[in-house]
Amino acid sequence: MKYIEENTENFNTHLISRGYAEQMVEKTLREVKYKDRKEALKQKSTIAEGTTTLCVGQFHSTVNTKLWKA
């Protein structure tokens, strides 16, 4: 973790030297969330559990009318 802290401080100094507002740089870098490498590389499902996927094909009125009346 020391490596990350050193690089963050160097990056902070670099941005300030390039003319970025010190308060903005510090606030933005505080918002960064560091994760363990293995945690960050885990594949996450983009579909929430319990959701139903609906697939709609071509609408055919006579077929759909017969199905609804059944």
N, C-alpha and C. Protein backbone atom coordinates (compact mmCIF):
# COMPACT_ATOMS: atom_id res chain seq x y z
N MET A 1 0.83 -1.20 0.00
CA MET A 1 0.00 0.00 0.00
C MET A 1 0.86 1.25 0.00
N LYS A 2 2.06 1.14 0.52
CA LYS A 2 2.96 2.28 0.56
C LYS A 2 3.27 2.78 -0.85
N TYR A 3 3.40 1.84 -1.80
CA TYR A 3 3.68 2.17 -3.19
C TYR A 3 2.56 3.03 -3.77
N ILE A 4 1.32 2.67 -3.48
CA ILE A 4 0.17 3.43 -3.98
C ILE A 4 0.14 4.82 -3.37
N GLU A 5 0.41 4.91 -2.08
CA GLU A 5 0.40 6.21 -1.41
C GLU A 5 1.48 7.14 -1.98
N GLU A 6 2.67 6.59 -2.25
CA GLU A 6 3.75 7.40 -2.82
C GLU A 6 3.38 7.88 -4.22
N ASN A 7 2.83 7.00 -5.03
CA ASN A 7 2.44 7.39 -6.38
C ASN A 7 1.30 8.40 -6.38
N THR A 8 0.38 8.25 -5.45
CA THR A 8 -0.72 9.21 -5.35
C THR A 8 -0.19 10.58 -4.98
N GLU A 9 0.75 10.63 -4.05
CA GLU A 9 1.34 11.91 -3.64
C GLU A 9 2.12 12.54 -4.79
N ASN A 10 2.87 11.72 -5.54
CA ASN A 10 3.61 12.23 -6.70
C ASN A 10 2.65 12.76 -7.77
N PHE A 11 1.56 12.04 -7.99
CA PHE A 11 0.57 12.46 -8.97
C PHE A 11 -0.09 13.77 -8.54
N ASN A 12 -0.39 13.86 -7.24
CA ASN A 12 -0.97 15.07 -6.66
C ASN A 12 -0.05 16.26 -6.93
N THR A 13 1.22 16.11 -6.63
CA THR A 13 2.21 17.18 -6.83
C THR A 13 2.32 17.55 -8.31
N HIS A 14 2.32 16.55 -9.16
CA HIS A 14 2.41 16.77 -10.61
C HIS A 14 1.22 17.60 -11.11
N LEU A 15 0.01 17.25 -10.68
CA LEU A 15 -1.17 17.98 -11.14
C LEU A 15 -1.16 19.43 -10.66
N ILE A 16 -0.74 19.63 -9.42
CA ILE A 16 -0.69 20.99 -8.88
C ILE A 16 0.35 21.82 -9.64
N SER A 17 1.49 21.20 -9.96
CA SER A 17 2.54 21.92 -10.71
C SER A 17 2.09 22.26 -12.13
N ARG A 18 1.12 21.51 -12.66
CA ARG A 18 0.60 21.79 -14.00
C ARG A 18 -0.51 22.84 -13.97
N GLY A 19 -0.86 23.33 -12.80
CA GLY A 19 -1.80 24.44 -12.71
C GLY A 19 -3.19 24.08 -12.23
N TYR A 20 -3.41 22.84 -11.87
CA TYR A 20 -4.72 22.47 -11.35
C TYR A 20 -4.86 22.99 -9.92
N ALA A 21 -6.08 23.37 -9.56
CA ALA A 21 -6.34 23.91 -8.23
C ALA A 21 -6.04 22.84 -7.18
N GLU A 22 -5.29 23.23 -6.17
CA GLU A 22 -4.86 22.29 -5.13
C GLU A 22 -6.05 21.64 -4.42
N GLN A 23 -7.06 22.44 -4.09
CA GLN A 23 -8.23 21.90 -3.39
C GLN A 23 -8.97 20.88 -4.25
N MET A 24 -9.08 21.16 -5.56
CA MET A 24 -9.78 20.24 -6.45
C MET A 24 -9.01 18.92 -6.57
N VAL A 25 -7.69 19.00 -6.71
CA VAL A 25 -6.87 17.80 -6.84
C VAL A 25 -6.98 16.95 -5.58
N GLU A 26 -6.85 17.56 -4.44
CA GLU A 26 -6.91 16.82 -3.18
C GLU A 26 -8.28 16.20 -2.96
N LYS A 27 -9.34 16.95 -3.26
CA LYS A 27 -10.70 16.44 -3.10
C LYS A 27 -10.94 15.25 -4.03
N THR A 28 -10.51 15.38 -5.27
CA THR A 28 -10.72 14.32 -6.25
C THR A 28 -9.95 13.06 -5.88
N LEU A 29 -8.70 13.21 -5.46
CA LEU A 29 -7.90 12.04 -5.11
C LEU A 29 -8.39 11.37 -3.83
N ARG A 30 -9.05 12.11 -2.95
CA ARG A 30 -9.63 11.51 -1.74
C ARG A 30 -10.82 10.62 -2.09
N GLU A 31 -11.49 10.92 -3.21
CA GLU A 31 -12.66 10.15 -3.62
C GLU A 31 -12.30 8.83 -4.27
N VAL A 32 -11.03 8.65 -4.63
CA VAL A 32 -10.60 7.41 -5.28
C VAL A 32 -10.67 6.27 -4.28
N LYS A 33 -11.25 5.16 -4.72
CA LYS A 33 -11.36 3.99 -3.85
C LYS A 33 -10.43 2.91 -4.37
N TYR A 34 -9.53 2.46 -3.53
CA TYR A 34 -8.59 1.42 -3.92
C TYR A 34 -9.15 0.07 -3.52
N LYS A 35 -9.00 -0.90 -4.42
CA LYS A 35 -9.47 -2.25 -4.15
C LYS A 35 -8.31 -3.21 -4.30
N ASP A 36 -8.45 -4.32 -3.64
CA ASP A 36 -7.50 -5.40 -3.80
C ASP A 36 -7.55 -5.87 -5.26
N ARG A 37 -6.42 -6.23 -5.83
CA ARG A 37 -6.35 -6.62 -7.24
C ARG A 37 -7.32 -7.75 -7.56
N LYS A 38 -7.35 -8.79 -6.72
CA LYS A 38 -8.23 -9.93 -6.99
C LYS A 38 -9.70 -9.51 -6.95
N GLU A 39 -10.03 -8.62 -6.05
CA GLU A 39 -11.41 -8.12 -5.96
C GLU A 39 -11.77 -7.33 -7.22
N ALA A 40 -10.86 -6.51 -7.69
CA ALA A 40 -11.13 -5.69 -8.87
C ALA A 40 -11.26 -6.53 -10.13
N LEU A 41 -10.58 -7.67 -10.18
CA LEU A 41 -10.61 -8.50 -11.38
C LEU A 41 -11.77 -9.49 -11.42
N LYS A 42 -12.52 -9.60 -10.33
CA LYS A 42 -13.65 -10.52 -10.30
C LYS A 42 -14.69 -10.10 -11.34
N GLN A 43 -15.22 -11.09 -12.02
CA GLN A 43 -16.28 -10.80 -12.99
C GLN A 43 -17.59 -10.64 -12.23
N LYS A 44 -18.28 -9.59 -12.55
CA LYS A 44 -19.53 -9.31 -11.87
C LYS A 44 -20.67 -9.41 -12.86
N SER A 45 -21.78 -9.93 -12.40
CA SER A 45 -22.96 -10.04 -13.23
C SER A 45 -23.55 -8.66 -13.46
N THR A 46 -23.92 -8.38 -14.70
CA THR A 46 -24.53 -7.08 -15.01
C THR A 46 -26.05 -7.13 -14.86
N ILE A 47 -26.59 -8.34 -14.71
CA ILE A 47 -28.04 -8.49 -14.54
C ILE A 47 -28.30 -8.87 -13.08
N ALA A 48 -29.14 -8.11 -12.44
CA ALA A 48 -29.46 -8.37 -11.04
C ALA A 48 -30.21 -9.69 -10.92
N GLU A 49 -29.96 -10.39 -9.84
CA GLU A 49 -30.66 -11.65 -9.60
C GLU A 49 -32.14 -11.36 -9.37
N GLY A 50 -32.97 -12.25 -9.87
CA GLY A 50 -34.40 -12.10 -9.69
C GLY A 50 -35.07 -11.28 -10.77
N THR A 51 -34.31 -10.77 -11.74
CA THR A 51 -34.94 -10.02 -12.82
C THR A 51 -35.29 -10.96 -13.95
N THR A 52 -36.30 -10.61 -14.69
CA THR A 52 -36.74 -11.41 -15.82
C THR A 52 -36.42 -10.65 -17.09
N THR A 53 -35.81 -11.35 -18.04
CA THR A 53 -35.50 -10.73 -19.32
C THR A 53 -36.64 -11.01 -20.28
N LEU A 54 -37.14 -9.97 -20.91
CA LEU A 54 -38.26 -10.09 -21.83
C LEU A 54 -37.73 -9.89 -23.24
N CYS A 55 -38.04 -10.83 -24.10
CA CYS A 55 -37.61 -10.76 -25.50
C CYS A 55 -38.86 -10.69 -26.36
N VAL A 56 -39.00 -9.60 -27.11
CA VAL A 56 -40.18 -9.42 -27.95
C VAL A 56 -39.76 -9.60 -29.40
N GLY A 57 -40.49 -10.47 -30.09
CA GLY A 57 -40.23 -10.70 -31.51
C GLY A 57 -41.23 -9.94 -32.36
N GLN A 58 -41.47 -10.43 -33.53
CA GLN A 58 -42.41 -9.78 -34.44
C GLN A 58 -43.84 -9.95 -33.95
N PHE A 59 -44.61 -8.90 -34.01
CA PHE A 59 -46.01 -8.94 -33.57
C PHE A 59 -46.88 -9.42 -34.72
N HIS A 60 -47.69 -10.41 -34.46
CA HIS A 60 -48.64 -10.92 -35.45
C HIS A 60 -50.01 -10.93 -34.78
N SER A 61 -50.88 -10.04 -35.20
CA SER A 61 -52.14 -9.80 -34.49
C SER A 61 -53.04 -11.03 -34.41
N THR A 62 -53.12 -11.86 -35.45
CA THR A 62 -54.03 -12.99 -35.40
C THR A 62 -53.55 -14.06 -34.42
N VAL A 63 -52.26 -14.29 -34.37
CA VAL A 63 -51.72 -15.27 -33.43
C VAL A 63 -51.88 -14.76 -32.01
N ASN A 64 -51.53 -13.52 -31.77
CA ASN A 64 -51.62 -12.95 -30.43
C ASN A 64 -53.07 -12.87 -29.94
N THR A 65 -54.02 -12.59 -30.81
CA THR A 65 -55.42 -12.52 -30.43
C THR A 65 -55.92 -13.89 -29.99
N LYS A 66 -55.52 -14.92 -30.71
CA LYS A 66 -55.95 -16.28 -30.36
C LYS A 66 -55.35 -16.68 -29.00
N LEU A 67 -54.13 -16.30 -28.76
CA LEU A 67 -53.48 -16.66 -27.49
C LEU A 67 -54.15 -15.96 -26.31
N TRP A 68 -54.54 -14.71 -26.48
CA TRP A 68 -55.14 -13.96 -25.38
C TRP A 68 -56.53 -14.46 -25.03
N LYS A 69 -57.24 -15.00 -26.02
CA LYS A 69 -58.61 -15.48 -25.77
C LYS A 69 -58.63 -16.86 -25.13
N ALA A 70 -57.53 -17.57 -25.21
CA ALA A 70 -57.50 -18.95 -24.72
C ALA A 70 -57.55 -19.04 -23.22
